[in-house]
Protein backbone atom coordinates (compact mmCIF):
# COMPACT_ATOMS: atom_id res chain seq x y z
CA MET A 1 106.19 112.87 96.45
CA THR A 2 104.12 114.44 99.38
CA LYS A 3 103.13 112.35 102.51
CA HIS A 4 99.47 112.50 101.54
CA ARG A 5 99.99 111.34 98.13
CA ARG A 6 102.22 108.51 99.27
CA ALA A 7 99.81 107.46 101.88
CA PHE A 8 97.04 107.40 99.32
CA LEU A 9 99.15 105.43 96.87
CA VAL A 10 99.94 102.73 99.69
CA LEU A 11 96.19 102.63 100.37
CA LEU A 12 95.26 101.78 96.70
CA LEU A 13 98.28 99.30 96.51
CA LEU A 14 96.97 97.59 99.63
CA CYS A 15 93.40 97.47 98.11
CA ALA A 16 94.86 95.54 95.22
CA LEU A 17 96.74 93.32 97.72
CA ALA A 18 93.78 92.49 99.58
CA LEU A 19 91.94 91.58 96.38
CA GLY A 20 94.88 89.46 95.37
CA CYS A 21 95.11 87.63 98.66
CA ALA A 22 91.35 86.93 98.63
CA LEU A 23 91.44 85.53 95.09
CA PHE A 24 94.53 83.52 95.96
CA ALA A 25 92.73 82.06 99.09
CA MET A 26 89.69 80.93 97.15
CA LEU A 27 91.69 79.37 94.39
CA ALA A 28 94.18 77.53 96.66
CA GLY A 29 93.52 74.39 98.51
CA SER A 30 93.47 70.60 98.31
CA VAL A 31 90.93 71.04 95.26
CA SER A 32 92.54 73.67 92.74
CA ILE A 33 89.83 75.98 91.23
CA ALA A 34 90.25 78.15 88.17
CA PRO A 35 89.68 81.94 88.60
CA GLY A 36 86.80 81.77 85.99
CA GLU A 37 85.07 78.97 87.99
CA ALA A 38 85.45 80.73 91.21
CA LEU A 39 83.86 83.98 89.89
CA THR A 40 81.17 82.03 88.35
CA ALA A 41 80.25 80.49 91.72
CA LEU A 42 80.44 83.72 93.57
CA PHE A 43 77.96 85.26 91.14
CA GLY A 44 75.53 82.47 91.77
CA GLN A 45 76.03 80.32 88.65
CA ASP A 46 76.41 76.57 88.73
CA SER A 47 79.83 75.16 88.57
CA PRO A 48 81.50 71.85 89.51
CA ASN A 49 82.92 73.18 92.74
CA ALA A 50 80.39 75.84 93.67
CA ALA A 51 79.86 74.56 97.01
CA ILE A 52 83.42 74.67 98.01
CA ILE A 53 83.63 78.28 96.91
CA THR A 54 80.37 79.47 98.60
CA ARG A 55 80.07 77.40 101.59
CA LEU A 56 83.77 76.84 102.72
CA ARG A 57 86.37 79.30 101.04
CA ALA A 58 84.37 82.55 100.69
CA PRO A 59 83.16 82.73 104.15
CA ARG A 60 86.64 81.77 105.50
CA VAL A 61 88.09 84.63 103.36
CA LEU A 62 85.52 87.14 104.60
CA ALA A 63 86.21 85.93 108.34
CA GLY A 64 90.00 85.93 107.92
CA PHE A 65 89.97 89.43 106.34
CA ALA A 66 87.87 90.81 109.06
CA CYS A 67 89.61 89.15 111.91
CA GLY A 68 93.01 90.51 110.64
CA GLY A 69 91.67 93.93 110.14
CA LEU A 70 90.17 93.90 113.54
CA LEU A 71 93.28 92.81 115.08
CA ALA A 72 95.42 95.37 113.31
CA LEU A 73 93.05 98.27 113.96
CA ALA A 74 93.01 97.23 117.82
CA GLY A 75 96.87 97.17 117.70
CA ALA A 76 96.96 100.73 116.05
CA LEU A 77 94.54 102.03 118.59
CA MET A 78 96.38 100.50 121.57
CA GLN A 79 99.70 101.90 120.49
CA VAL A 80 98.04 105.50 120.41
CA LEU A 81 96.32 104.92 123.61
CA LEU A 82 99.28 103.70 125.52
CA LYS A 83 101.77 105.70 123.63
CA ASN A 84 103.82 102.67 123.23
CA PRO A 85 104.88 101.17 120.02
CA LEU A 86 105.25 97.68 121.60
CA ALA A 87 101.39 97.60 122.66
CA ASP A 88 99.20 94.99 120.91
CA PRO A 89 95.65 93.93 121.10
CA TYR A 90 96.19 91.19 123.82
CA ILE A 91 98.08 93.48 126.25
CA LEU A 92 94.92 94.10 128.15
CA GLY A 93 93.90 90.42 129.01
CA ILE A 94 91.13 90.47 126.39
CA SER A 95 92.30 87.40 124.60
CA GLY A 96 93.05 85.54 128.08
CA GLY A 97 89.27 86.24 129.07
CA ALA A 98 87.99 84.99 125.77
CA GLY A 99 90.30 81.94 126.19
CA VAL A 100 88.88 81.11 129.69
CA GLY A 101 85.37 81.04 128.40
CA ALA A 102 86.15 79.12 125.29
CA MET A 103 88.12 76.50 127.23
CA LEU A 104 85.22 76.03 129.78
CA ALA A 105 82.72 75.71 126.76
CA LEU A 106 85.19 72.98 125.23
CA PHE A 107 85.63 71.33 128.56
CA PHE A 108 81.73 70.89 129.19
CA GLY A 109 81.32 69.82 125.47
CA LEU A 110 79.15 72.93 124.29
CA SER A 111 78.31 73.55 120.79
CA LEU A 112 80.19 76.05 118.25
CA THR A 113 77.56 78.75 119.21
CA GLY A 114 78.16 77.86 122.98
CA ILE A 115 81.83 78.45 122.61
CA ASN A 116 81.59 81.80 120.69
CA MET A 117 79.14 82.99 123.44
CA LEU A 118 81.25 81.86 126.48
CA ALA A 119 84.42 83.37 124.70
CA PHE A 120 82.69 86.69 123.93
CA ALA A 121 81.43 86.68 127.67
CA GLY A 122 84.91 85.98 128.74
CA ALA A 123 86.37 88.85 126.81
CA LEU A 124 83.77 91.19 127.99
CA GLY A 125 84.40 90.05 131.51
CA ALA A 126 88.11 90.85 131.15
CA ILE A 127 87.41 94.26 129.75
CA LEU A 128 85.14 95.11 132.54
CA ILE A 129 87.58 93.78 135.35
CA VAL A 130 90.53 95.60 133.66
CA PHE A 131 88.69 99.16 133.11
CA GLY A 132 87.29 98.79 136.56
CA LEU A 133 90.44 98.10 138.42
CA ALA A 134 92.57 100.62 136.12
CA HIS A 135 89.88 103.34 136.85
CA GLY A 136 90.27 102.72 140.62
CA ASP A 137 89.56 105.73 142.72
CA GLY A 138 88.89 107.93 139.47
CA SER A 139 92.41 108.24 138.05
CA TRP A 140 93.27 106.69 134.76
CA THR A 141 96.57 106.60 133.31
CA GLN A 142 98.26 104.50 130.51
CA THR A 143 100.65 102.74 133.10
CA ARG A 144 97.88 101.91 135.39
CA LEU A 145 95.81 100.47 132.38
CA LEU A 146 98.95 98.55 131.25
CA LEU A 147 99.80 96.97 134.62
CA THR A 148 96.21 95.93 135.31
CA GLY A 149 95.85 94.30 131.74
CA VAL A 150 99.18 92.37 132.32
CA ILE A 151 97.92 90.95 135.67
CA VAL A 152 94.61 90.09 134.35
CA ALA A 153 96.17 88.52 131.47
CA ALA A 154 98.56 86.29 133.81
CA GLY A 155 95.36 85.34 135.88
CA CYS A 156 93.42 84.19 132.79
CA GLY A 157 96.52 82.34 131.56
CA ALA A 158 96.73 80.37 134.84
CA LEU A 159 93.03 79.45 134.46
CA VAL A 160 93.37 78.30 130.90
CA THR A 161 96.30 76.19 131.98
CA LEU A 162 94.12 74.70 134.89
CA VAL A 163 91.38 73.81 132.54
CA LEU A 164 93.84 72.07 130.00
CA SER A 165 95.34 70.09 132.93
CA LEU A 166 91.74 69.01 133.97
CA ALA A 167 90.45 68.22 130.32
CA PRO A 168 90.06 64.75 128.84
CA GLU A 169 92.71 63.90 126.40
CA ARG A 170 90.07 63.69 123.50
CA GLN A 171 89.39 67.21 123.93
CA LEU A 172 92.97 68.73 124.16
CA ARG A 173 93.49 68.87 120.51
CA GLY A 174 90.54 71.00 119.77
CA MET A 175 91.42 73.22 122.80
CA LEU A 176 95.05 73.76 121.64
CA PHE A 177 93.85 74.69 117.99
CA TRP A 178 91.60 77.20 119.50
CA LEU A 179 94.40 78.71 121.47
CA MET A 180 96.74 78.82 118.54
CA GLY A 181 94.18 80.41 116.26
CA ASP A 182 91.86 78.69 113.76
CA LEU A 183 89.67 80.00 111.17
CA ALA A 184 88.09 76.85 110.17
CA GLN A 185 85.09 77.13 112.77
CA VAL A 186 83.99 80.73 112.14
CA ASN A 187 80.26 80.45 111.89
CA ALA A 188 79.23 84.14 111.53
CA PRO A 189 81.68 85.73 108.97
CA LEU A 190 79.15 88.47 107.98
CA LEU A 191 78.82 89.50 111.51
CA THR A 192 82.54 89.53 111.94
CA PHE A 193 83.05 91.69 109.11
CA ALA A 194 80.12 93.96 110.16
CA ALA A 195 82.03 94.38 113.32
CA LEU A 196 85.28 95.56 111.47
CA ILE A 197 83.20 98.09 109.49
CA VAL A 198 81.56 99.53 112.69
CA SER A 199 84.63 99.68 114.66
CA LEU A 200 86.54 101.54 111.83
CA ALA A 201 83.59 103.90 111.27
CA ALA A 202 83.61 104.48 114.93
CA VAL A 203 87.07 105.86 115.23
CA LEU A 204 87.71 107.59 111.88
CA PRO A 205 85.82 110.66 112.98
CA PHE A 206 88.28 111.05 115.81
CA ALA A 207 91.35 110.76 113.61
CA ARG A 208 92.55 114.22 113.85
CA GLU A 209 92.08 114.13 117.67
CA LEU A 210 94.24 110.95 117.80
CA ASN A 211 96.94 112.85 116.07
CA LEU A 212 96.91 115.31 118.73
CA LEU A 213 96.87 112.61 121.52
CA ALA A 214 99.99 111.02 119.97
CA ARG A 215 101.77 114.21 120.94
CA GLY A 216 100.75 113.77 124.61
CA GLY A 217 97.64 114.06 126.73
CA GLU A 218 98.57 117.67 128.05
CA ALA A 219 99.27 119.02 124.59
CA ALA A 220 95.99 117.54 123.11
CA GLN A 221 94.03 119.09 126.06
CA SER A 222 95.43 122.35 125.56
CA LEU A 223 94.56 122.36 121.83
CA GLY A 224 90.79 121.52 122.95
CA VAL A 225 90.85 117.73 122.66
CA ALA A 226 88.30 116.04 125.37
CA VAL A 227 91.22 113.59 126.34
CA PRO A 228 89.36 111.44 128.83
CA ARG A 229 86.29 110.97 126.62
CA LEU A 230 88.63 110.23 123.62
CA ARG A 231 90.63 107.77 125.63
CA ARG A 232 87.42 105.88 126.67
CA VAL A 233 86.19 105.73 122.97
CA VAL A 234 89.66 104.33 121.81
CA TYR A 235 89.60 101.92 124.49
CA ALA A 236 86.04 100.58 123.92
CA VAL A 237 86.64 100.30 120.19
CA ALA A 238 90.04 98.34 120.68
CA ALA A 239 88.55 96.04 123.43
CA PHE A 240 85.38 95.34 121.06
CA ALA A 241 87.43 94.72 118.03
CA THR A 242 89.76 92.44 119.94
CA ALA A 243 87.03 90.59 121.65
CA VAL A 244 85.27 89.91 118.34
CA ALA A 245 88.37 88.81 116.58
CA VAL A 246 89.33 86.47 119.41
CA THR A 247 86.12 85.07 119.76
CA SER A 248 85.77 84.41 115.96
CA ALA A 249 89.28 82.87 115.53
CA GLY A 250 91.08 82.15 118.65
CA THR A 251 94.29 83.67 119.74
CA ILE A 252 96.24 85.04 116.63
CA GLY A 253 99.24 86.92 117.61
CA PHE A 254 101.63 89.46 116.05
CA VAL A 255 99.07 90.88 113.57
CA GLY A 256 98.20 93.74 115.79
CA LEU A 257 101.89 94.26 116.70
CA ILE A 258 103.58 94.10 113.39
CA VAL A 259 101.18 95.63 111.01
CA PRO A 260 100.89 99.00 112.58
CA HIS A 261 104.62 99.11 112.72
CA LEU A 262 105.06 98.47 109.09
CA VAL A 263 102.30 100.76 108.05
CA ARG A 264 103.72 103.62 110.25
CA LEU A 265 107.06 103.39 108.50
CA LEU A 266 105.51 103.51 105.14
CA ILE A 267 103.19 106.56 105.49
CA GLY A 268 103.63 107.94 108.85
CA ASN A 269 101.63 108.52 111.74
CA ASP A 270 98.62 110.60 110.42
CA GLN A 271 95.54 108.53 111.93
CA ARG A 272 93.30 109.63 109.02
CA PHE A 273 95.43 107.27 106.60
CA LEU A 274 97.02 104.94 109.21
CA LEU A 275 93.88 103.32 110.42
CA PRO A 276 92.30 102.24 107.00
CA THR A 277 95.64 101.34 105.82
CA THR A 278 96.15 99.15 108.75
CA VAL A 279 92.89 97.41 108.41
CA LEU A 280 93.75 96.48 104.83
CA ALA A 281 97.20 95.30 105.51
CA GLY A 282 96.11 93.32 108.69
CA GLY A 283 93.36 91.60 106.69
CA SER A 284 95.78 90.75 103.84
CA LEU A 285 98.30 89.39 106.25
CA LEU A 286 95.81 87.04 107.94
CA LEU A 287 94.33 85.90 104.70
CA PHE A 288 97.76 85.12 103.40
CA ALA A 289 98.80 83.15 106.65
CA ASP A 290 95.51 81.21 106.51
CA THR A 291 95.98 80.13 102.97
CA LEU A 292 99.44 78.86 103.64
CA ALA A 293 98.15 77.24 106.95
CA ARG A 294 95.55 75.28 104.62
CA THR A 295 97.95 74.44 101.87
CA LEU A 296 101.42 73.77 103.19
CA ILE A 297 100.78 70.21 104.32
CA ALA A 298 97.26 69.85 102.74
CA PRO A 299 94.93 68.05 103.55
CA GLN A 300 96.20 68.68 107.15
CA GLN A 301 95.70 72.24 108.34
CA LEU A 302 98.08 74.22 110.64
CA PRO A 303 96.88 76.57 113.25
CA VAL A 304 96.94 79.94 111.58
CA GLY A 305 98.44 81.64 114.71
CA VAL A 306 101.65 79.55 114.30
CA LEU A 307 101.99 81.00 110.88
CA THR A 308 101.43 84.75 111.93
CA ALA A 309 104.02 84.11 114.69
CA LEU A 310 106.53 82.48 112.13
CA ILE A 311 106.19 85.58 109.89
CA GLY A 312 105.96 88.12 112.68
CA VAL A 313 109.02 87.23 114.73
CA PRO A 314 111.61 87.83 112.01
CA VAL A 315 109.92 90.71 110.64
CA PHE A 316 109.86 92.40 114.19
CA LEU A 317 113.55 91.63 114.74
CA PHE A 318 114.26 93.03 111.32
CA LEU A 319 112.52 96.16 112.15
CA LEU A 320 114.36 96.51 115.55
CA SER A 321 117.67 96.08 113.87
CA ARG A 322 116.72 98.76 111.20
CA HIS A 323 115.09 101.20 113.49
CA PRO A 324 116.68 100.71 116.79
CA ARG A 325 115.51 104.11 118.09
CA GLN A 326 112.15 104.22 116.68
CA SER A 327 109.60 105.95 119.06
CA PHE A 328 105.92 106.37 118.70
């Protein structure tokens, strides 16, 4: 089987998996719903549990898939940008900036809209700080960007800890849930899904150039790739995708790290197939984890970020044991 045929087959299988995870997410919960009833409600017909499907589960499914796809796409792009298979969406301090904004909004008792606005503003501020400092005197390298991101992330972490230490006890639970990832409060799933479509559409035209960039900046430039422009595009899209996902669902780890690894092992590093396949796999993983978070100890819900970490840690350790010399 050729690589392209295998990649296409994996893409089709992941489409089926995404649909299966979405259906499972809409049927499972404290109130069990039959598949026929769920489809009836989605098509606008009356059913006993139509409100549960249309107002609670369907928006959460859409938001969960979108956030998972955004994180996985950002992870794949960051690994190309930094030429580091251990890079993930949070490595540039974007989630830290969003966390600072969200914690301040919660501290001052703002509404959900205010939390989202301040979280996105914090993420945007972190993006501007990292890019501005990494650019410095005009030079721009992967190492400089990585180190700047790590320092900004550490500073944001300190600010988040400071806000938590000053917050009243009644607010701590909500703050901690946001920091651990929570899809229950997403209020604009269509916008989040639209951000996923826009992000994927923005980078797919550069897939062939990204394949060349993965071989090295000098090699790509010698083959006619405008490397500085391509790096700016990749950085901007990865930062935007991460900012939207973190603003919508809080800090959810390991999706952007594990999913590109697994997909790369299955189909190789051709970005034309890797990017859309990664989006499908990331969305499916987060949907599955969120469904478990809602149902394991229902009616109580677990933070979805805890579930992704519990899934991601053993998978990553297994990958390291099976492929100890894997390079980008």
